All heavy atoms as atom14 arrays in JSON, in Angstrom:
{
  "sequence": "SEPRAERAAELVERYDITSADAETAVTGANVIVLAVKPHHVAEVAEQI",
  "atom14_mask": [
    [1, 1, 1, 1, 1, 1, 0, 0, 0, 0, 0, 0, 0, 0],
    [1, 1, 1, 1, 1, 1, 1, 1, 1, 0, 0, 0, 0, 0],
    [1, 1, 1, 1, 1, 1, 1, 0, 0, 0, 0, 0, 0, 0],
    [1, 1, 1, 1, 1, 1, 1, 1, 1, 1, 1, 0, 0, 0],
    [1, 1, 1, 1, 1, 0, 0, 0, 0, 0, 0, 0, 0, 0],
    [1, 1, 1, 1, 1, 1, 1, 1, 1, 0, 0, 0, 0, 0],
    [1, 1, 1, 1, 1, 1, 1, 1, 1, 1, 1, 0, 0, 0],
    [1, 1, 1, 1, 1, 0, 0, 0, 0, 0, 0, 0, 0, 0],
    [1, 1, 1, 1, 1, 0, 0, 0, 0, 0, 0, 0, 0, 0],
    [1, 1, 1, 1, 1, 1, 1, 1, 1, 0, 0, 0, 0, 0],
    [1, 1, 1, 1, 1, 1, 1, 1, 0, 0, 0, 0, 0, 0],
    [1, 1, 1, 1, 1, 1, 1, 0, 0, 0, 0, 0, 0, 0],
    [1, 1, 1, 1, 1, 1, 1, 1, 1, 0, 0, 0, 0, 0],
    [1, 1, 1, 1, 1, 1, 1, 1, 1, 1, 1, 0, 0, 0],
    [1, 1, 1, 1, 1, 1, 1, 1, 1, 1, 1, 1, 0, 0],
    [1, 1, 1, 1, 1, 1, 1, 1, 0, 0, 0, 0, 0, 0],
    [1, 1, 1, 1, 1, 1, 1, 1, 0, 0, 0, 0, 0, 0],
    [1, 1, 1, 1, 1, 1, 1, 0, 0, 0, 0, 0, 0, 0],
    [1, 1, 1, 1, 1, 1, 0, 0, 0, 0, 0, 0, 0, 0],
    [1, 1, 1, 1, 1, 0, 0, 0, 0, 0, 0, 0, 0, 0],
    [1, 1, 1, 1, 1, 1, 1, 1, 0, 0, 0, 0, 0, 0],
    [1, 1, 1, 1, 1, 0, 0, 0, 0, 0, 0, 0, 0, 0],
    [1, 1, 1, 1, 1, 1, 1, 1, 1, 0, 0, 0, 0, 0],
    [1, 1, 1, 1, 1, 1, 1, 0, 0, 0, 0, 0, 0, 0],
    [1, 1, 1, 1, 1, 0, 0, 0, 0, 0, 0, 0, 0, 0],
    [1, 1, 1, 1, 1, 1, 1, 0, 0, 0, 0, 0, 0, 0],
    [1, 1, 1, 1, 1, 1, 1, 0, 0, 0, 0, 0, 0, 0],
    [1, 1, 1, 1, 0, 0, 0, 0, 0, 0, 0, 0, 0, 0],
    [1, 1, 1, 1, 1, 0, 0, 0, 0, 0, 0, 0, 0, 0],
    [1, 1, 1, 1, 1, 1, 1, 1, 0, 0, 0, 0, 0, 0],
    [1, 1, 1, 1, 1, 1, 1, 0, 0, 0, 0, 0, 0, 0],
    [1, 1, 1, 1, 1, 1, 1, 1, 0, 0, 0, 0, 0, 0],
    [1, 1, 1, 1, 1, 1, 1, 0, 0, 0, 0, 0, 0, 0],
    [1, 1, 1, 1, 1, 1, 1, 1, 0, 0, 0, 0, 0, 0],
    [1, 1, 1, 1, 1, 0, 0, 0, 0, 0, 0, 0, 0, 0],
    [1, 1, 1, 1, 1, 1, 1, 0, 0, 0, 0, 0, 0, 0],
    [1, 1, 1, 1, 1, 1, 1, 1, 1, 0, 0, 0, 0, 0],
    [1, 1, 1, 1, 1, 1, 1, 0, 0, 0, 0, 0, 0, 0],
    [1, 1, 1, 1, 1, 1, 1, 1, 1, 1, 0, 0, 0, 0],
    [1, 1, 1, 1, 1, 1, 1, 1, 1, 1, 0, 0, 0, 0],
    [1, 1, 1, 1, 1, 1, 1, 0, 0, 0, 0, 0, 0, 0],
    [1, 1, 1, 1, 1, 0, 0, 0, 0, 0, 0, 0, 0, 0],
    [1, 1, 1, 1, 1, 1, 1, 1, 1, 0, 0, 0, 0, 0],
    [1, 1, 1, 1, 1, 1, 1, 0, 0, 0, 0, 0, 0, 0],
    [1, 1, 1, 1, 1, 0, 0, 0, 0, 0, 0, 0, 0, 0],
    [1, 1, 1, 1, 1, 1, 1, 1, 1, 0, 0, 0, 0, 0],
    [1, 1, 1, 1, 1, 1, 1, 1, 1, 0, 0, 0, 0, 0],
    [1, 1, 1, 1, 1, 1, 1, 1, 0, 0, 0, 0, 0, 0]
  ],
  "atom14_positions": [
    [[145.22, 170.46, 56.75], [146.14, 170.51, 57.84], [145.45, 171.34, 58.97], [145.23, 172.53, 58.8], [147.42, 171.21, 57.45], [148.31, 171.36, 58.59], [0.0, 0.0, 0.0], [0.0, 0.0, 0.0], [0.0, 0.0, 0.0], [0.0, 0.0, 0.0], [0.0, 0.0, 0.0], [0.0, 0.0, 0.0], [0.0, 0.0, 0.0], [0.0, 0.0, 0.0]],
    [[145.07, 170.64, 60.02], [144.37, 171.28, 61.15], [144.96, 170.77, 62.47], [145.01, 169.54, 62.72], [142.92, 170.91, 61.02], [142.07, 171.18, 62.29], [142.13, 172.61, 62.76], [141.96, 173.51, 61.88], [142.38, 172.8, 63.96], [0.0, 0.0, 0.0], [0.0, 0.0, 0.0], [0.0, 0.0, 0.0], [0.0, 0.0, 0.0], [0.0, 0.0, 0.0]],
    [[145.53, 171.72, 63.26], [146.16, 171.31, 64.48], [145.35, 170.63, 65.55], [145.84, 169.86, 66.39], [146.77, 172.61, 65.05], [145.91, 173.67, 64.44], [145.52, 173.18, 63.09], [0.0, 0.0, 0.0], [0.0, 0.0, 0.0], [0.0, 0.0, 0.0], [0.0, 0.0, 0.0], [0.0, 0.0, 0.0], [0.0, 0.0, 0.0], [0.0, 0.0, 0.0]],
    [[144.04, 170.83, 65.51], [143.12, 170.21, 66.48], [142.76, 168.84, 65.96], [142.03, 168.72, 64.97], [141.88, 171.05, 66.72], [142.16, 172.4, 67.32], [140.94, 173.36, 67.27], [140.54, 173.61, 65.8], [139.42, 174.16, 65.43], [138.48, 174.45, 66.35], [139.18, 174.37, 64.18], [0.0, 0.0, 0.0], [0.0, 0.0, 0.0], [0.0, 0.0, 0.0]],
    [[143.29, 167.81, 66.55], [143.15, 166.4, 66.11], [141.67, 166.0, 65.94], [141.26, 165.41, 64.96], [143.87, 165.47, 67.02], [0.0, 0.0, 0.0], [0.0, 0.0, 0.0], [0.0, 0.0, 0.0], [0.0, 0.0, 0.0], [0.0, 0.0, 0.0], [0.0, 0.0, 0.0], [0.0, 0.0, 0.0], [0.0, 0.0, 0.0], [0.0, 0.0, 0.0]],
    [[140.83, 166.42, 66.89], [139.46, 165.99, 66.88], [138.74, 166.67, 65.63], [137.97, 166.07, 64.95], [138.76, 166.44, 68.16], [137.29, 166.03, 68.23], [136.66, 166.4, 69.55], [137.4, 166.52, 70.54], [135.42, 166.49, 69.6], [0.0, 0.0, 0.0], [0.0, 0.0, 0.0], [0.0, 0.0, 0.0], [0.0, 0.0, 0.0], [0.0, 0.0, 0.0]],
    [[139.09, 167.92, 65.4], [138.48, 168.68, 64.27], [138.98, 168.04, 62.98], [138.21, 167.92, 62.0], [138.85, 170.13, 64.37], [138.43, 171.03, 63.17], [136.93, 171.01, 62.97], [136.57, 171.99, 61.94], [135.36, 172.03, 61.39], [134.4, 171.1, 61.75], [135.09, 172.91, 60.44], [0.0, 0.0, 0.0], [0.0, 0.0, 0.0], [0.0, 0.0, 0.0]],
    [[140.28, 167.73, 62.88], [140.85, 167.17, 61.65], [140.15, 165.87, 61.32], [139.76, 165.6, 60.18], [142.34, 166.95, 61.78], [0.0, 0.0, 0.0], [0.0, 0.0, 0.0], [0.0, 0.0, 0.0], [0.0, 0.0, 0.0], [0.0, 0.0, 0.0], [0.0, 0.0, 0.0], [0.0, 0.0, 0.0], [0.0, 0.0, 0.0], [0.0, 0.0, 0.0]],
    [[139.93, 165.04, 62.36], [139.26, 163.73, 62.18], [137.82, 163.91, 61.71], [137.33, 163.1, 60.87], [139.28, 162.94, 63.49], [0.0, 0.0, 0.0], [0.0, 0.0, 0.0], [0.0, 0.0, 0.0], [0.0, 0.0, 0.0], [0.0, 0.0, 0.0], [0.0, 0.0, 0.0], [0.0, 0.0, 0.0], [0.0, 0.0, 0.0], [0.0, 0.0, 0.0]],
    [[137.19, 164.93, 62.22], [135.8, 165.19, 61.8], [135.68, 165.55, 60.35], [134.85, 165.06, 59.57], [135.29, 166.42, 62.64], [133.87, 166.81, 62.36], [133.48, 168.06, 63.14], [134.23, 168.48, 64.04], [132.38, 168.61, 62.87], [0.0, 0.0, 0.0], [0.0, 0.0, 0.0], [0.0, 0.0, 0.0], [0.0, 0.0, 0.0], [0.0, 0.0, 0.0]],
    [[136.67, 166.36, 59.82], [136.66, 166.79, 58.47], [137.03, 165.61, 57.53], [136.4, 165.44, 56.43], [137.7, 167.95, 58.25], [137.33, 169.23, 58.91], [138.48, 170.24, 58.78], [136.09, 169.86, 58.31], [0.0, 0.0, 0.0], [0.0, 0.0, 0.0], [0.0, 0.0, 0.0], [0.0, 0.0, 0.0], [0.0, 0.0, 0.0], [0.0, 0.0, 0.0]],
    [[137.95, 164.78, 57.96], [138.31, 163.63, 57.2], [137.1, 162.64, 57.01], [136.84, 162.17, 55.9], [139.47, 162.87, 57.85], [139.7, 161.48, 57.19], [140.77, 163.64, 57.75], [0.0, 0.0, 0.0], [0.0, 0.0, 0.0], [0.0, 0.0, 0.0], [0.0, 0.0, 0.0], [0.0, 0.0, 0.0], [0.0, 0.0, 0.0], [0.0, 0.0, 0.0]],
    [[136.4, 162.42, 58.07], [135.24, 161.54, 57.99], [134.08, 162.15, 57.22], [133.46, 161.48, 56.41], [134.75, 161.23, 59.42], [133.57, 160.29, 59.46], [133.07, 159.95, 60.86], [133.76, 160.4, 61.85], [132.11, 159.17, 61.04], [0.0, 0.0, 0.0], [0.0, 0.0, 0.0], [0.0, 0.0, 0.0], [0.0, 0.0, 0.0], [0.0, 0.0, 0.0]],
    [[133.87, 163.44, 57.37], [132.72, 164.12, 56.72], [132.88, 164.22, 55.2], [131.94, 164.08, 54.45], [132.52, 165.46, 57.34], [131.31, 166.2, 56.85], [131.08, 167.5, 57.63], [130.8, 167.26, 59.02], [130.93, 168.16, 59.97], [131.28, 169.41, 59.71], [130.61, 167.83, 61.22], [0.0, 0.0, 0.0], [0.0, 0.0, 0.0], [0.0, 0.0, 0.0]],
    [[134.16, 164.47, 54.75], [134.38, 164.83, 53.35], [135.23, 163.8, 52.61], [135.56, 164.0, 51.45], [134.99, 166.18, 53.23], [134.05, 167.26, 53.81], [134.37, 167.85, 55.0], [132.93, 167.62, 53.08], [133.49, 168.85, 55.52], [132.05, 168.58, 53.67], [132.31, 169.18, 54.85], [131.5, 170.16, 55.37], [0.0, 0.0, 0.0], [0.0, 0.0, 0.0]],
    [[135.69, 162.74, 53.31], [136.54, 161.72, 52.68], [137.76, 162.33, 52.11], [138.09, 162.16, 50.9], [135.74, 160.96, 51.64], [136.48, 159.68, 51.12], [137.34, 159.19, 51.88], [136.22, 159.26, 50.02], [0.0, 0.0, 0.0], [0.0, 0.0, 0.0], [0.0, 0.0, 0.0], [0.0, 0.0, 0.0], [0.0, 0.0, 0.0], [0.0, 0.0, 0.0]],
    [[138.49, 163.11, 52.89], [139.73, 163.69, 52.52], [140.84, 163.22, 53.39], [140.62, 162.37, 54.29], [139.65, 165.28, 52.63], [139.35, 165.71, 54.08], [138.58, 165.8, 51.63], [139.32, 167.23, 54.23], [0.0, 0.0, 0.0], [0.0, 0.0, 0.0], [0.0, 0.0, 0.0], [0.0, 0.0, 0.0], [0.0, 0.0, 0.0], [0.0, 0.0, 0.0]],
    [[142.08, 163.7, 53.18], [143.16, 163.26, 54.01], [143.6, 164.39, 54.95], [143.26, 165.53, 54.7], [144.4, 162.84, 53.12], [144.81, 163.96, 52.33], [144.03, 161.69, 52.22], [0.0, 0.0, 0.0], [0.0, 0.0, 0.0], [0.0, 0.0, 0.0], [0.0, 0.0, 0.0], [0.0, 0.0, 0.0], [0.0, 0.0, 0.0], [0.0, 0.0, 0.0]],
    [[144.36, 164.04, 55.98], [144.8, 165.01, 56.96], [146.35, 164.78, 57.18], [146.77, 163.64, 57.17], [144.1, 164.84, 58.26], [144.65, 165.65, 59.27], [0.0, 0.0, 0.0], [0.0, 0.0, 0.0], [0.0, 0.0, 0.0], [0.0, 0.0, 0.0], [0.0, 0.0, 0.0], [0.0, 0.0, 0.0], [0.0, 0.0, 0.0], [0.0, 0.0, 0.0]],
    [[147.08, 165.88, 57.28], [148.49, 165.79, 57.48], [149.03, 167.08, 58.12], [148.3, 168.06, 58.15], [149.22, 165.49, 56.15], [0.0, 0.0, 0.0], [0.0, 0.0, 0.0], [0.0, 0.0, 0.0], [0.0, 0.0, 0.0], [0.0, 0.0, 0.0], [0.0, 0.0, 0.0], [0.0, 0.0, 0.0], [0.0, 0.0, 0.0], [0.0, 0.0, 0.0]],
    [[150.28, 167.07, 58.5], [150.86, 168.35, 58.97], [151.03, 169.25, 57.75], [150.92, 168.79, 56.58], [152.23, 168.1, 59.63], [153.25, 167.45, 58.68], [153.82, 168.19, 57.88], [153.37, 166.18, 58.7], [0.0, 0.0, 0.0], [0.0, 0.0, 0.0], [0.0, 0.0, 0.0], [0.0, 0.0, 0.0], [0.0, 0.0, 0.0], [0.0, 0.0, 0.0]],
    [[151.27, 170.51, 58.02], [151.25, 171.49, 56.91], [152.23, 171.17, 55.77], [151.86, 171.22, 54.59], [151.51, 172.89, 57.46], [0.0, 0.0, 0.0], [0.0, 0.0, 0.0], [0.0, 0.0, 0.0], [0.0, 0.0, 0.0], [0.0, 0.0, 0.0], [0.0, 0.0, 0.0], [0.0, 0.0, 0.0], [0.0, 0.0, 0.0], [0.0, 0.0, 0.0]],
    [[153.46, 170.83, 56.17], [154.5, 170.57, 55.11], [154.12, 169.37, 54.33], [154.27, 169.4, 53.07], [155.83, 170.35, 55.82], [156.44, 171.54, 56.49], [156.1, 171.57, 57.97], [155.02, 171.15, 58.42], [156.93, 172.1, 58.76], [0.0, 0.0, 0.0], [0.0, 0.0, 0.0], [0.0, 0.0, 0.0], [0.0, 0.0, 0.0], [0.0, 0.0, 0.0]],
    [[153.56, 168.34, 54.92], [153.16, 167.13, 54.13], [151.97, 167.45, 53.31], [151.93, 167.04, 52.11], [152.89, 165.95, 55.06], [154.03, 165.69, 55.87], [152.51, 164.71, 54.32], [0.0, 0.0, 0.0], [0.0, 0.0, 0.0], [0.0, 0.0, 0.0], [0.0, 0.0, 0.0], [0.0, 0.0, 0.0], [0.0, 0.0, 0.0], [0.0, 0.0, 0.0]],
    [[151.0, 168.16, 53.86], [149.73, 168.44, 53.13], [150.02, 169.27, 51.82], [149.34, 169.06, 50.83], [148.83, 169.23, 54.03], [0.0, 0.0, 0.0], [0.0, 0.0, 0.0], [0.0, 0.0, 0.0], [0.0, 0.0, 0.0], [0.0, 0.0, 0.0], [0.0, 0.0, 0.0], [0.0, 0.0, 0.0], [0.0, 0.0, 0.0], [0.0, 0.0, 0.0]],
    [[150.93, 170.16, 51.86], [151.2, 171.02, 50.64], [152.08, 170.34, 49.64], [152.13, 170.8, 48.49], [151.75, 172.37, 51.07], [150.88, 173.09, 52.09], [153.22, 172.24, 51.55], [0.0, 0.0, 0.0], [0.0, 0.0, 0.0], [0.0, 0.0, 0.0], [0.0, 0.0, 0.0], [0.0, 0.0, 0.0], [0.0, 0.0, 0.0], [0.0, 0.0, 0.0]],
    [[152.77, 169.29, 50.0], [153.68, 168.63, 49.03], [152.92, 168.09, 47.84], [152.0, 167.3, 48.01], [154.41, 167.45, 49.73], [155.15, 167.97, 50.86], [155.39, 166.8, 48.79], [0.0, 0.0, 0.0], [0.0, 0.0, 0.0], [0.0, 0.0, 0.0], [0.0, 0.0, 0.0], [0.0, 0.0, 0.0], [0.0, 0.0, 0.0], [0.0, 0.0, 0.0]],
    [[153.27, 168.54, 46.69], [152.63, 168.13, 45.49], [151.28, 168.84, 45.14], [150.69, 168.55, 44.12], [0.0, 0.0, 0.0], [0.0, 0.0, 0.0], [0.0, 0.0, 0.0], [0.0, 0.0, 0.0], [0.0, 0.0, 0.0], [0.0, 0.0, 0.0], [0.0, 0.0, 0.0], [0.0, 0.0, 0.0], [0.0, 0.0, 0.0], [0.0, 0.0, 0.0]],
    [[150.87, 169.74, 46.02], [149.6, 170.36, 45.76], [149.69, 171.47, 44.74], [150.66, 172.2, 44.65], [149.07, 171.02, 47.11], [0.0, 0.0, 0.0], [0.0, 0.0, 0.0], [0.0, 0.0, 0.0], [0.0, 0.0, 0.0], [0.0, 0.0, 0.0], [0.0, 0.0, 0.0], [0.0, 0.0, 0.0], [0.0, 0.0, 0.0], [0.0, 0.0, 0.0]],
    [[148.64, 171.47, 43.82], [148.57, 172.52, 42.83], [148.07, 173.84, 43.4], [148.47, 174.94, 43.0], [147.61, 172.15, 41.67], [147.93, 170.8, 41.13], [147.35, 169.82, 41.61], [148.8, 170.73, 40.11], [0.0, 0.0, 0.0], [0.0, 0.0, 0.0], [0.0, 0.0, 0.0], [0.0, 0.0, 0.0], [0.0, 0.0, 0.0], [0.0, 0.0, 0.0]],
    [[147.15, 173.71, 44.37], [146.53, 174.88, 45.02], [146.6, 174.74, 46.47], [146.29, 173.66, 47.05], [145.0, 175.01, 44.6], [144.43, 176.24, 45.33], [144.9, 175.2, 43.1], [0.0, 0.0, 0.0], [0.0, 0.0, 0.0], [0.0, 0.0, 0.0], [0.0, 0.0, 0.0], [0.0, 0.0, 0.0], [0.0, 0.0, 0.0], [0.0, 0.0, 0.0]],
    [[147.08, 175.74, 47.18], [147.22, 175.77, 48.61], [146.39, 176.92, 49.17], [146.65, 178.05, 48.79], [148.68, 175.88, 49.09], [149.52, 174.7, 48.52], [148.8, 175.98, 50.58], [151.02, 174.97, 48.54], [0.0, 0.0, 0.0], [0.0, 0.0, 0.0], [0.0, 0.0, 0.0], [0.0, 0.0, 0.0], [0.0, 0.0, 0.0], [0.0, 0.0, 0.0]],
    [[145.49, 176.61, 50.08], [144.62, 177.67, 50.64], [145.04, 177.91, 52.08], [145.09, 177.0, 52.87], [143.16, 177.26, 50.58], [142.32, 178.37, 51.23], [142.73, 176.99, 49.18], [0.0, 0.0, 0.0], [0.0, 0.0, 0.0], [0.0, 0.0, 0.0], [0.0, 0.0, 0.0], [0.0, 0.0, 0.0], [0.0, 0.0, 0.0], [0.0, 0.0, 0.0]],
    [[145.33, 179.16, 52.39], [145.64, 179.55, 53.76], [144.38, 180.09, 54.42], [144.02, 181.2, 54.17], [146.78, 180.61, 53.78], [148.1, 180.19, 53.09], [149.14, 181.31, 53.26], [148.62, 178.85, 53.55], [0.0, 0.0, 0.0], [0.0, 0.0, 0.0], [0.0, 0.0, 0.0], [0.0, 0.0, 0.0], [0.0, 0.0, 0.0], [0.0, 0.0, 0.0]],
    [[143.78, 179.2, 55.21], [142.48, 179.62, 55.84], [142.73, 179.68, 57.37], [141.97, 179.09, 58.18], [141.43, 178.59, 55.55], [0.0, 0.0, 0.0], [0.0, 0.0, 0.0], [0.0, 0.0, 0.0], [0.0, 0.0, 0.0], [0.0, 0.0, 0.0], [0.0, 0.0, 0.0], [0.0, 0.0, 0.0], [0.0, 0.0, 0.0], [0.0, 0.0, 0.0]],
    [[143.79, 180.42, 57.76], [144.2, 180.57, 59.16], [143.87, 182.01, 59.55], [143.58, 182.85, 58.73], [145.61, 180.12, 59.39], [145.84, 178.68, 59.11], [146.58, 181.04, 58.53], [0.0, 0.0, 0.0], [0.0, 0.0, 0.0], [0.0, 0.0, 0.0], [0.0, 0.0, 0.0], [0.0, 0.0, 0.0], [0.0, 0.0, 0.0], [0.0, 0.0, 0.0]],
    [[143.99, 182.3, 60.84], [143.86, 183.66, 61.32], [144.94, 184.56, 60.69], [146.05, 184.12, 60.48], [143.93, 183.67, 62.85], [142.91, 182.9, 63.56], [141.49, 183.46, 63.4], [140.45, 182.68, 64.26], [139.1, 183.16, 63.96], [0.0, 0.0, 0.0], [0.0, 0.0, 0.0], [0.0, 0.0, 0.0], [0.0, 0.0, 0.0], [0.0, 0.0, 0.0]],
    [[144.59, 185.8, 60.45], [145.58, 186.73, 59.75], [146.94, 186.76, 60.43], [147.94, 186.74, 59.72], [144.86, 188.05, 59.89], [143.4, 187.73, 59.85], [143.31, 186.49, 60.64], [0.0, 0.0, 0.0], [0.0, 0.0, 0.0], [0.0, 0.0, 0.0], [0.0, 0.0, 0.0], [0.0, 0.0, 0.0], [0.0, 0.0, 0.0], [0.0, 0.0, 0.0]],
    [[147.0, 186.74, 61.8], [148.31, 186.81, 62.4], [149.13, 185.57, 62.28], [150.3, 185.52, 62.68], [148.11, 187.24, 63.89], [147.34, 186.31, 64.71], [145.97, 186.28, 64.73], [147.72, 185.26, 65.61], [145.5, 185.35, 65.54], [146.59, 184.72, 66.06], [0.0, 0.0, 0.0], [0.0, 0.0, 0.0], [0.0, 0.0, 0.0], [0.0, 0.0, 0.0]],
    [[148.52, 184.48, 61.77], [149.26, 183.22, 61.59], [149.77, 183.05, 60.16], [150.49, 182.16, 59.87], [148.42, 182.07, 61.91], [148.19, 181.9, 63.38], [149.15, 182.01, 64.38], [146.97, 181.6, 64.08], [148.61, 181.84, 65.59], [147.31, 181.61, 65.42], [0.0, 0.0, 0.0], [0.0, 0.0, 0.0], [0.0, 0.0, 0.0], [0.0, 0.0, 0.0]],
    [[149.3, 183.89, 59.2], [149.58, 183.7, 57.76], [151.1, 183.68, 57.46], [151.67, 182.79, 56.82], [148.85, 184.73, 56.89], [149.38, 184.69, 55.46], [147.34, 184.5, 56.95], [0.0, 0.0, 0.0], [0.0, 0.0, 0.0], [0.0, 0.0, 0.0], [0.0, 0.0, 0.0], [0.0, 0.0, 0.0], [0.0, 0.0, 0.0], [0.0, 0.0, 0.0]],
    [[151.79, 184.72, 57.98], [153.26, 184.83, 57.66], [153.96, 183.62, 58.21], [154.89, 183.07, 57.6], [153.78, 186.13, 58.28], [0.0, 0.0, 0.0], [0.0, 0.0, 0.0], [0.0, 0.0, 0.0], [0.0, 0.0, 0.0], [0.0, 0.0, 0.0], [0.0, 0.0, 0.0], [0.0, 0.0, 0.0], [0.0, 0.0, 0.0], [0.0, 0.0, 0.0]],
    [[153.64, 183.23, 59.42], [154.23, 182.13, 60.08], [154.02, 180.79, 59.27], [154.99, 180.01, 59.02], [153.72, 181.88, 61.51], [154.16, 180.63, 62.2], [153.36, 180.42, 63.51], [152.65, 181.31, 63.96], [153.49, 179.3, 64.04], [0.0, 0.0, 0.0], [0.0, 0.0, 0.0], [0.0, 0.0, 0.0], [0.0, 0.0, 0.0], [0.0, 0.0, 0.0]],
    [[152.76, 180.56, 58.79], [152.48, 179.39, 58.04], [153.16, 179.4, 56.7], [153.69, 178.4, 56.2], [150.94, 179.26, 57.82], [150.62, 178.17, 56.89], [150.29, 178.97, 59.2], [0.0, 0.0, 0.0], [0.0, 0.0, 0.0], [0.0, 0.0, 0.0], [0.0, 0.0, 0.0], [0.0, 0.0, 0.0], [0.0, 0.0, 0.0], [0.0, 0.0, 0.0]],
    [[153.23, 180.6, 56.08], [153.92, 180.7, 54.76], [155.33, 180.34, 54.9], [155.97, 179.59, 54.05], [153.76, 182.14, 54.24], [0.0, 0.0, 0.0], [0.0, 0.0, 0.0], [0.0, 0.0, 0.0], [0.0, 0.0, 0.0], [0.0, 0.0, 0.0], [0.0, 0.0, 0.0], [0.0, 0.0, 0.0], [0.0, 0.0, 0.0], [0.0, 0.0, 0.0]],
    [[156.05, 180.77, 55.95], [157.4, 180.41, 56.19], [157.55, 178.92, 56.45], [158.5, 178.27, 56.0], [158.0, 181.21, 57.4], [158.12, 182.66, 57.08], [158.56, 183.45, 58.35], [158.59, 182.87, 59.41], [158.81, 184.69, 58.17], [0.0, 0.0, 0.0], [0.0, 0.0, 0.0], [0.0, 0.0, 0.0], [0.0, 0.0, 0.0], [0.0, 0.0, 0.0]],
    [[156.6, 178.33, 57.15], [156.6, 176.9, 57.52], [156.51, 175.99, 56.31], [157.22, 175.0, 56.21], [155.45, 176.61, 58.42], [155.33, 175.19, 58.94], [154.2, 174.93, 59.82], [153.41, 175.82, 60.14], [153.98, 173.67, 60.25], [0.0, 0.0, 0.0], [0.0, 0.0, 0.0], [0.0, 0.0, 0.0], [0.0, 0.0, 0.0], [0.0, 0.0, 0.0]],
    [[155.72, 176.4, 55.29], [155.52, 175.53, 54.14], [156.43, 175.95, 52.96], [156.45, 175.22, 51.94], [154.07, 175.64, 53.65], [153.67, 177.02, 53.17], [153.13, 175.19, 54.75], [152.32, 177.1, 52.53], [0.0, 0.0, 0.0], [0.0, 0.0, 0.0], [0.0, 0.0, 0.0], [0.0, 0.0, 0.0], [0.0, 0.0, 0.0], [0.0, 0.0, 0.0]]
  ]
}
């Protein structure tokens, strides 16, 4: 889940993975990695 569309598309093409909004991306996931800036962590945790 990456808000910059161009960057998300780059990762999808490079690694053959999927891209989605945060709520969709975490649905069904066994492991969720929060790789955002520290001041965004609480906000993202609440979002998902």
